[in-house]
PDB file of N, CA and C in Angstrom:
ATOM      1  N   MET A   1     112.552  87.131  81.700  1.00  0.00           N
ATOM      2  CA  MET A   1     112.075  88.385  82.168  1.00  0.00           C
ATOM      3  C   MET A   1     110.876  88.220  83.016  1.00  0.00           C
ATOM      4  N   THR A   2     110.990  88.823  84.152  1.00  0.00           N
ATOM      5  CA  THR A   2     109.817  88.728  85.164  1.00  0.00           C
ATOM      6  C   THR A   2     108.701  89.749  84.747  1.00  0.00           C
ATOM      7  N   THR A   3     107.509  89.283  84.783  1.00  0.00           N
ATOM      8  CA  THR A   3     106.422  90.199  84.351  1.00  0.00           C
ATOM      9  C   THR A   3     105.765  90.752  85.653  1.00  0.00           C
ATOM     10  N   LEU A   4     104.947  91.802  85.435  1.00  0.00           N
ATOM     11  CA  LEU A   4     104.171  92.412  86.559  1.00  0.00           C
ATOM     12  C   LEU A   4     103.302  91.404  87.197  1.00  0.00           C
ATOM     13  N   ASP A   5     102.554  90.620  86.357  1.00  0.00           N
ATOM     14  CA  ASP A   5     101.684  89.622  86.886  1.00  0.00           C
ATOM     15  C   ASP A   5     102.392  88.608  87.762  1.00  0.00           C
ATOM     16  N   GLU A   6     103.636  88.188  87.375  1.00  0.00           N
ATOM     17  CA  GLU A   6     104.396  87.279  88.184  1.00  0.00           C
ATOM     18  C   GLU A   6     104.741  87.877  89.541  1.00  0.00           C
ATOM     19  N   ILE A   7     105.163  89.110  89.504  1.00  0.00           N
ATOM     20  CA  ILE A   7     105.475  89.858  90.768  1.00  0.00           C
ATOM     21  C   ILE A   7     104.218  89.932  91.627  1.00  0.00           C
ATOM     22  N   LEU A   8     103.100  90.333  91.040  1.00  0.00           N
ATOM     23  CA  LEU A   8     101.918  90.468  91.825  1.00  0.00           C
ATOM     24  C   LEU A   8     101.476  89.073  92.369  1.00  0.00           C
ATOM     25  N   ASN A   9     101.590  88.059  91.658  1.00  0.00           N
ATOM     26  CA  ASN A   9     101.259  86.755  92.137  1.00  0.00           C
ATOM     27  C   ASN A   9     102.181  86.234  93.307  1.00  0.00           C
ATOM     28  N   GLU A  10     103.486  86.624  93.193  1.00  0.00           N
ATOM     29  CA  GLU A  10     104.372  86.292  94.323  1.00  0.00           C
ATOM     30  C   GLU A  10     103.992  87.116  95.574  1.00  0.00           C
ATOM     31  N   ILE A  11     103.669  88.349  95.413  1.00  0.00           N
ATOM     32  CA  ILE A  11     103.274  89.151  96.583  1.00  0.00           C
ATOM     33  C   ILE A  11     101.910  88.658  97.130  1.00  0.00           C
ATOM     34  N   GLU A  12     101.058  88.287  96.300  1.00  0.00           N
ATOM     35  CA  GLU A  12      99.748  87.735  96.737  1.00  0.00           C
ATOM     36  C   GLU A  12      99.998  86.437  97.538  1.00  0.00           C
ATOM     37  N   THR A  13     100.836  85.580  97.075  1.00  0.00           N
ATOM     38  CA  THR A  13     101.181  84.379  97.770  1.00  0.00           C
ATOM     39  C   THR A  13     101.736  84.652  99.191  1.00  0.00           C
ATOM     40  N   ALA A  14     102.613  85.584  99.201  1.00  0.00           N
ATOM     41  CA  ALA A  14     103.176  86.023 100.540  1.00  0.00           C
ATOM     42  C   ALA A  14     102.105  86.658 101.471  1.00  0.00           C
ATOM     43  N   ARG A  15     101.214  87.405 100.792  1.00  0.00           N
ATOM     44  CA  ARG A  15     100.116  88.041 101.631  1.00  0.00           C
ATOM     45  C   ARG A  15      99.215  86.912 102.188  1.00  0.00           C
ATOM     46  N   GLN A  16      98.921  85.954 101.374  1.00  0.00           N
ATOM     47  CA  GLN A  16      98.025  84.814 101.853  1.00  0.00           C
ATOM     48  C   GLN A  16      98.723  84.044 102.979  1.00  0.00           C
ATOM     49  N   MET A  17      99.993  83.871 102.860  1.00  0.00           N
ATOM     50  CA  MET A  17     100.718  83.197 103.950  1.00  0.00           C
ATOM     51  C   MET A  17     100.656  84.035 105.292  1.00  0.00           C
ATOM     52  N   ALA A  18     100.807  85.338 105.060  1.00  0.00           N
ATOM     53  CA  ALA A  18     100.774  86.224 106.257  1.00  0.00           C
ATOM     54  C   ALA A  18      99.349  86.174 106.895  1.00  0.00           C
ATOM     55  N   ILE A  19      98.333  86.141 106.050  1.00  0.00           N
ATOM     56  CA  ILE A  19      96.991  86.027 106.657  1.00  0.00           C
ATOM     57  C   ILE A  19      96.831  84.682 107.411  1.00  0.00           C
ATOM     58  N   GLU A  20      97.263  83.538 106.749  1.00  0.00           N
ATOM     59  CA  GLU A  20      97.171  82.287 107.364  1.00  0.00           C
ATOM     60  C   GLU A  20      97.886  82.194 108.729  1.00  0.00           C
ATOM     61  N   GLU A  21      99.075  82.908 108.723  1.00  0.00           N
ATOM     62  CA  GLU A  21      99.948  82.851 109.951  1.00  0.00           C
ATOM     63  C   GLU A  21      99.521  83.963 110.989  1.00  0.00           C
ATOM     64  N   ARG A  22      98.469  84.673 110.652  1.00  0.00           N
ATOM     65  CA  ARG A  22      98.015  85.805 111.459  1.00  0.00           C
ATOM     66  C   ARG A  22      99.150  86.790 111.775  1.00  0.00           C
ATOM     67  N   LYS A  23      99.682  87.282 110.697  1.00  0.00           N
ATOM     68  CA  LYS A  23     100.758  88.305 110.774  1.00  0.00           C
ATOM     69  C   LYS A  23     100.320  89.525 110.002  1.00  0.00           C
ATOM     70  N   PRO A  24      99.497  90.376 110.708  1.00  0.00           N
ATOM     71  CA  PRO A  24      98.913  91.529 110.014  1.00  0.00           C
ATOM     72  C   PRO A  24      99.904  92.497 109.404  1.00  0.00           C
ATOM     73  N   THR A  25     100.988  92.724 110.084  1.00  0.00           N
ATOM     74  CA  THR A  25     101.998  93.576 109.511  1.00  0.00           C
ATOM     75  C   THR A  25     102.573  93.107 108.225  1.00  0.00           C
ATOM     76  N   ALA A  26     102.829  91.851 108.125  1.00  0.00           N
ATOM     77  CA  ALA A  26     103.340  91.307 106.817  1.00  0.00           C
ATOM     78  C   ALA A  26     102.254  91.402 105.761  1.00  0.00           C
ATOM     79  N   MET A  27     100.998  91.152 106.200  1.00  0.00           N
ATOM     80  CA  MET A  27      99.862  91.235 105.196  1.00  0.00           C
ATOM     81  C   MET A  27      99.751  92.608 104.636  1.00  0.00           C
ATOM     82  N   ILE A  28      99.828  93.603 105.541  1.00  0.00           N
ATOM     83  CA  ILE A  28      99.707  94.997 105.104  1.00  0.00           C
ATOM     84  C   ILE A  28     100.879  95.398 104.226  1.00  0.00           C
ATOM     85  N   GLN A  29     102.076  94.968 104.535  1.00  0.00           N
ATOM     86  CA  GLN A  29     103.298  95.246 103.664  1.00  0.00           C
ATOM     87  C   GLN A  29     103.107  94.699 102.326  1.00  0.00           C
ATOM     88  N   ALA A  30     102.555  93.498 102.255  1.00  0.00           N
ATOM     89  CA  ALA A  30     102.318  92.864 100.903  1.00  0.00           C
ATOM     90  C   ALA A  30     101.257  93.561 100.137  1.00  0.00           C
ATOM     91  N   SER A  31     100.197  93.986 100.833  1.00  0.00           N
ATOM     92  CA  SER A  31      99.102  94.770 100.175  1.00  0.00           C
ATOM     93  C   SER A  31      99.579  96.045  99.702  1.00  0.00           C
ATOM     94  N   MET A  32     100.528  96.711 100.446  1.00  0.00           N
ATOM     95  CA  MET A  32     101.070  98.030 100.089  1.00  0.00           C
ATOM     96  C   MET A  32     101.958  97.850  98.884  1.00  0.00           C
ATOM     97  N   ALA A  33     102.701  96.752  98.837  1.00  0.00           N
ATOM     98  CA  ALA A  33     103.631  96.549  97.722  1.00  0.00           C
ATOM     99  C   ALA A  33     102.796  96.414  96.443  1.00  0.00           C
ATOM    100  N   LYS A  34     101.702  95.643  96.520  1.00  0.00           N
ATOM    101  CA  LYS A  34     100.777  95.560  95.322  1.00  0.00           C
ATOM    102  C   LYS A  34     100.232  96.943  94.950  1.00  0.00           C
ATOM    103  N   ALA A  35      99.778  97.698  95.962  1.00  0.00           N
ATOM    104  CA  ALA A  35      99.254  99.005  95.696  1.00  0.00           C
ATOM    105  C   ALA A  35     100.242  99.874  95.017  1.00  0.00           C
ATOM    106  N   LYS A  36     101.530  99.886  95.434  1.00  0.00           N
ATOM    107  CA  LYS A  36     102.588 100.685  94.799  1.00  0.00           C
ATOM    108  C   LYS A  36     102.778 100.277  93.404  1.00  0.00           C
ATOM    109  N   LEU A  37     102.888  98.948  93.143  1.00  0.00           N
ATOM    110  CA  LEU A  37     102.994  98.489  91.771  1.00  0.00           C
ATOM    111  C   LEU A  37     101.980  98.894  90.832  1.00  0.00           C
ATOM    112  N   LEU A  38     100.714  98.910  91.333  1.00  0.00           N
ATOM    113  CA  LEU A  38      99.583  99.355  90.516  1.00  0.00           C
ATOM    114  C   LEU A  38      99.279 100.802  90.511  1.00  0.00           C
ATOM    115  N   GLY A  39     100.080 101.603  91.332  1.00  0.00           N
ATOM    116  CA  GLY A  39      99.933 103.053  91.246  1.00  0.00           C
ATOM    117  C   GLY A  39      98.814 103.525  92.245  1.00  0.00           C
ATOM    118  N   LEU A  40      98.276 102.641  93.045  1.00  0.00           N
ATOM    119  CA  LEU A  40      97.119 103.029  93.935  1.00  0.00           C
ATOM    120  C   LEU A  40      97.579 103.711  95.209  1.00  0.00           C
ATOM    121  N   ASP A  41      98.914 103.728  95.496  1.00  0.00           N
ATOM    122  CA  ASP A  41      99.429 104.342  96.702  1.00  0.00           C
ATOM    123  C   ASP A  41      99.348 105.883  96.599  1.00  0.00           C
ATOM    124  N   LYS A  42      99.058 106.441  95.421  1.00  0.00           N
ATOM    125  CA  LYS A  42      99.011 107.849  95.210  1.00  0.00           C
ATOM    126  C   LYS A  42      97.637 108.430  95.341  1.00  0.00           C
ATOM    127  N   GLY A  43      96.645 107.583  95.707  1.00  0.00           N
ATOM    128  CA  GLY A  43      95.239 108.010  95.813  1.00  0.00           C
ATOM    129  C   GLY A  43      94.660 108.161  94.416  1.00  0.00           C
ATOM    130  N   ASP A  44      95.288 107.594  93.477  1.00  0.00           N
ATOM    131  CA  ASP A  44      94.817 107.695  92.067  1.00  0.00           C
ATOM    132  C   ASP A  44      94.344 106.304  91.689  1.00  0.00           C
ATOM    133  N   THR A  45      93.432 106.248  90.677  1.00  0.00           N
ATOM    134  CA  THR A  45      93.057 104.912  90.123  1.00  0.00           C
ATOM    135  C   THR A  45      94.035 104.549  89.044  1.00  0.00           C
ATOM    136  N   LEU A  46      93.906 103.441  88.441  1.00  0.00           N
ATOM    137  CA  LEU A  46      94.717 102.937  87.447  1.00  0.00           C
ATOM    138  C   LEU A  46      94.658 103.726  86.179  1.00  0.00           C
ATOM    139  N   THR A  47      95.411 104.856  86.111  1.00  0.00           N
ATOM    140  CA  THR A  47      95.387 105.729  84.984  1.00  0.00           C
ATOM    141  C   THR A  47      96.852 105.876  84.492  1.00  0.00           C
ATOM    142  N   ILE A  48      96.946 106.250  83.188  1.00  0.00           N
ATOM    143  CA  ILE A  48      98.249 106.476  82.605  1.00  0.00           C
ATOM    144  C   ILE A  48      98.531 107.980  82.717  1.00  0.00           C
ATOM    145  N   LYS A  49      99.712 108.325  83.200  1.00  0.00           N
ATOM    146  CA  LYS A  49     100.071 109.688  83.376  1.00  0.00           C
ATOM    147  C   LYS A  49     100.813 110.150  82.069  1.00  0.00           C
ATOM    148  N   HIS A  50     100.420 111.293  81.556  1.00  0.00           N
ATOM    149  CA  HIS A  50     101.066 111.797  80.337  1.00  0.00           C
ATOM    150  C   HIS A  50     102.491 112.352  80.603  1.00  0.00           C
ATOM    151  N   ASN A  51     103.403 112.214  79.693  1.00  0.00           N
ATOM    152  CA  ASN A  51     104.719 112.731  79.751  1.00  0.00           C
ATOM    153  C   ASN A  51     105.549 111.975  80.788  1.00  0.00           C
ATOM    154  N   GLU A  52     105.198 110.819  81.235  1.00  0.00           N
ATOM    155  CA  GLU A  52     105.993 110.030  82.111  1.00  0.00           C
ATOM    156  C   GLU A  52     106.315 108.695  81.394  1.00  0.00           C
ATOM    157  N   PRO A  53     107.583 108.239  81.446  1.00  0.00           N
ATOM    158  CA  PRO A  53     107.929 107.026  80.786  1.00  0.00           C
ATOM    159  C   PRO A  53     107.286 105.830  81.517  1.00  0.00           C
ATOM    160  N   PRO A  54     106.892 104.840  80.810  1.00  0.00           N
ATOM    161  CA  PRO A  54     106.317 103.633  81.530  1.00  0.00           C
ATOM    162  C   PRO A  54     107.290 102.942  82.357  1.00  0.00           C
ATOM    163  N   VAL A  55     106.824 102.447  83.506  1.00  0.00           N
ATOM    164  CA  VAL A  55     107.694 101.695  84.393  1.00  0.00           C
ATOM    165  C   VAL A  55     107.827 100.249  83.908  1.00  0.00           C
ATOM    166  N   PHE A  56     106.739  99.706  83.330  1.00  0.00           N
ATOM    167  CA  PHE A  56     106.805  98.318  82.833  1.00  0.00           C
ATOM    168  C   PHE A  56     106.296  98.339  81.456  1.00  0.00           C
ATOM    169  N   ASN A  57     106.913  97.604  80.585  1.00  0.00           N
ATOM    170  CA  ASN A  57     106.450  97.455  79.219  1.00  0.00           C
ATOM    171  C   ASN A  57     106.353  95.920  78.945  1.00  0.00           C
ATOM    172  N   ILE A  58     105.288  95.300  79.488  1.00  0.00           N
ATOM    173  CA  ILE A  58     105.091  93.880  79.454  1.00  0.00           C
ATOM    174  C   ILE A  58     103.700  93.489  78.972  1.00  0.00           C
ATOM    175  N   GLN A  59     103.552  92.226  78.578  1.00  0.00           N
ATOM    176  CA  GLN A  59     102.305  91.704  78.224  1.00  0.00           C
ATOM    177  C   GLN A  59     101.744  90.916  79.375  1.00  0.00           C
ATOM    178  N   PRO A  60     100.508  91.110  79.811  1.00  0.00           N
ATOM    179  CA  PRO A  60      99.990  90.379  80.998  1.00  0.00           C
ATOM    180  C   PRO A  60      99.935  88.900  80.723  1.00  0.00           C
ATOM    181  N   VAL A  61     100.213  88.151  81.759  1.00  0.00           N
ATOM    182  CA  VAL A  61     100.159  86.656  81.747  1.00  0.00           C
ATOM    183  C   VAL A  61      98.645  86.291  81.699  1.00  0.00           C
ATOM    184  N   ARG A  62      97.949  86.893  82.554  1.00  0.00           N
ATOM    185  CA  ARG A  62      96.476  86.693  82.632  1.00  0.00           C
ATOM    186  C   ARG A  62      95.763  88.044  82.792  1.00  0.00           C
ATOM    187  N   THR A  63      94.597  88.134  82.279  1.00  0.00           N
ATOM    188  CA  THR A  63      93.817  89.400  82.326  1.00  0.00           C
ATOM    189  C   THR A  63      93.107  89.404  83.697  1.00  0.00           C
ATOM    190  N   LEU A  64      93.248  90.427  84.478  1.00  0.00           N
ATOM    191  CA  LEU A  64      92.429  90.584  85.649  1.00  0.00           C
ATOM    192  C   LEU A  64      91.009  90.822  85.321  1.00  0.00           C
ATOM    193  N   THR A  65      90.156  90.126  86.084  1.00  0.00           N
ATOM    194  CA  THR A  65      88.778  90.388  85.885  1.00  0.00           C
ATOM    195  C   THR A  65      88.342  91.661  86.582  1.00  0.00           C
ATOM    196  N   GLU A  66      87.209  92.203  86.278  1.00  0.00           N
ATOM    197  CA  GLU A  66      86.700  93.425  86.926  1.00  0.00           C
ATOM    198  C   GLU A  66      86.590  93.160  88.426  1.00  0.00           C
ATOM    199  N   LEU A  67      86.062  91.944  88.765  1.00  0.00           N
ATOM    200  CA  LEU A  67      85.905  91.576  90.158  1.00  0.00           C
ATOM    201  C   LEU A  67      87.313  91.641  90.915  1.00  0.00           C
ATOM    202  N   ASP A  68      88.358  91.095  90.259  1.00  0.00           N
ATOM    203  CA  ASP A  68      89.699  91.103  90.815  1.00  0.00           C
ATOM    204  C   ASP A  68      90.145  92.540  91.069  1.00  0.00           C
ATOM    205  N   LYS A  69      89.934  93.455  90.045  1.00  0.00           N
ATOM    206  CA  LYS A  69      90.320  94.817  90.256  1.00  0.00           C
ATOM    207  C   LYS A  69      89.607  95.526  91.374  1.00  0.00           C
ATOM    208  N   GLN A  70      88.276  95.253  91.389  1.00  0.00           N
ATOM    209  CA  GLN A  70      87.403  95.860  92.459  1.00  0.00           C
ATOM    210  C   GLN A  70      87.797  95.384  93.831  1.00  0.00           C
ATOM    211  N   GLU A  71      88.077  94.074  93.979  1.00  0.00           N
ATOM    212  CA  GLU A  71      88.568  93.505  95.222  1.00  0.00           C
ATOM    213  C   GLU A  71      89.826  94.126  95.689  1.00  0.00           C
ATOM    214  N   PHE A  72      90.769  94.180  94.843  1.00  0.00           N
ATOM    215  CA  PHE A  72      92.135  94.721  95.174  1.00  0.00           C
ATOM    216  C   PHE A  72      92.011  96.193  95.458  1.00  0.00           C
ATOM    217  N   GLU A  73      91.284  96.956  94.675  1.00  0.00           N
ATOM    218  CA  GLU A  73      91.115  98.361  94.946  1.00  0.00           C
ATOM    219  C   GLU A  73      90.467  98.561  96.375  1.00  0.00           C
ATOM    220  N   GLN A  74      89.509  97.804  96.711  1.00  0.00           N
ATOM    221  CA  GLN A  74      88.908  97.918  98.028  1.00  0.00           C
ATOM    222  C   GLN A  74      89.838  97.604  99.124  1.00  0.00           C
ATOM    223  N   ILE A  75      90.623  96.541  98.973  1.00  0.00           N
ATOM    224  CA  ILE A  75      91.639  96.166  99.992  1.00  0.00           C
ATOM    225  C   ILE A  75      92.677  97.236 100.068  1.00  0.00           C
ATOM    226  N   ALA A  76      93.147  97.769  98.977  1.00  0.00           N
ATOM    227  CA  ALA A  76      94.152  98.789  98.941  1.00  0.00           C
ATOM    228  C   ALA A  76      93.668 100.088  99.582  1.00  0.00           C
ATOM    229  N   LYS A  77      92.438 100.425  99.392  1.00  0.00           N
ATOM    230  CA  LYS A  77      91.861 101.580 100.063  1.00  0.00           C
ATOM    231  C   LYS A  77      91.786 101.433 101.542  1.00  0.00           C
ATOM    232  N   GLU A  78      91.379 100.215 101.977  1.00  0.00           N
ATOM    233  CA  GLU A  78      91.311  99.919 103.426  1.00  0.00           C
ATOM    234  C   GLU A  78      92.728 100.004 104.085  1.00  0.00           C
ATOM    235  N   VAL A  79      93.712  99.420 103.365  1.00  0.00           N
ATOM    236  CA  VAL A  79      95.071  99.433 103.917  1.00  0.00           C
ATOM    237  C   VAL A  79      95.598 100.853 103.958  1.00  0.00           C
ATOM    238  N   LEU A  80      95.374 101.601 102.925  1.00  0.00           N
ATOM    239  CA  LEU A  80      95.868 102.955 102.872  1.00  0.00           C
ATOM    240  C   LEU A  80      95.214 103.820 103.889  1.00  0.00           C
ATOM    241  N   ALA A  81      94.005 103.524 104.244  1.00  0.00           N
ATOM    242  CA  ALA A  81      93.299 104.295 105.277  1.00  0.00           C
ATOM    243  C   ALA A  81      93.910 104.059 106.637  1.00  0.00           C
ATOM    244  N   MET A  82      94.618 102.981 106.830  1.00  0.00           N
ATOM    245  CA  MET A  82      95.193 102.682 108.129  1.00  0.00           C
ATOM    246  C   MET A  82      96.551 103.396 108.355  1.00  0.00           C
ATOM    247  N   VAL A  83      97.159 103.883 107.286  1.00  0.00           N
ATOM    248  CA  VAL A  83      98.493 104.555 107.462  1.00  0.00           C
ATOM    249  C   VAL A  83      98.359 106.077 107.378  1.00  0.00           C
TER     250      VAL A  83
END
């Protein structure tokens, strides 16, 4: 079974490749994919919505640090401001 962390890691790998190859559209697409998976594309923070079934029911492979969360949230906000 694929976990959310595995998917996010794959997307981050693709995003890093896009950055290295100077392909901003691909980088933005990867960032938006991460934002959607984490629910940040709705202008909301990472909150659980009541009366909605969970999309993923998984155990994290590694715990994100607060710095990781803050960094991603900042990047996601910057990307969302562009669209």
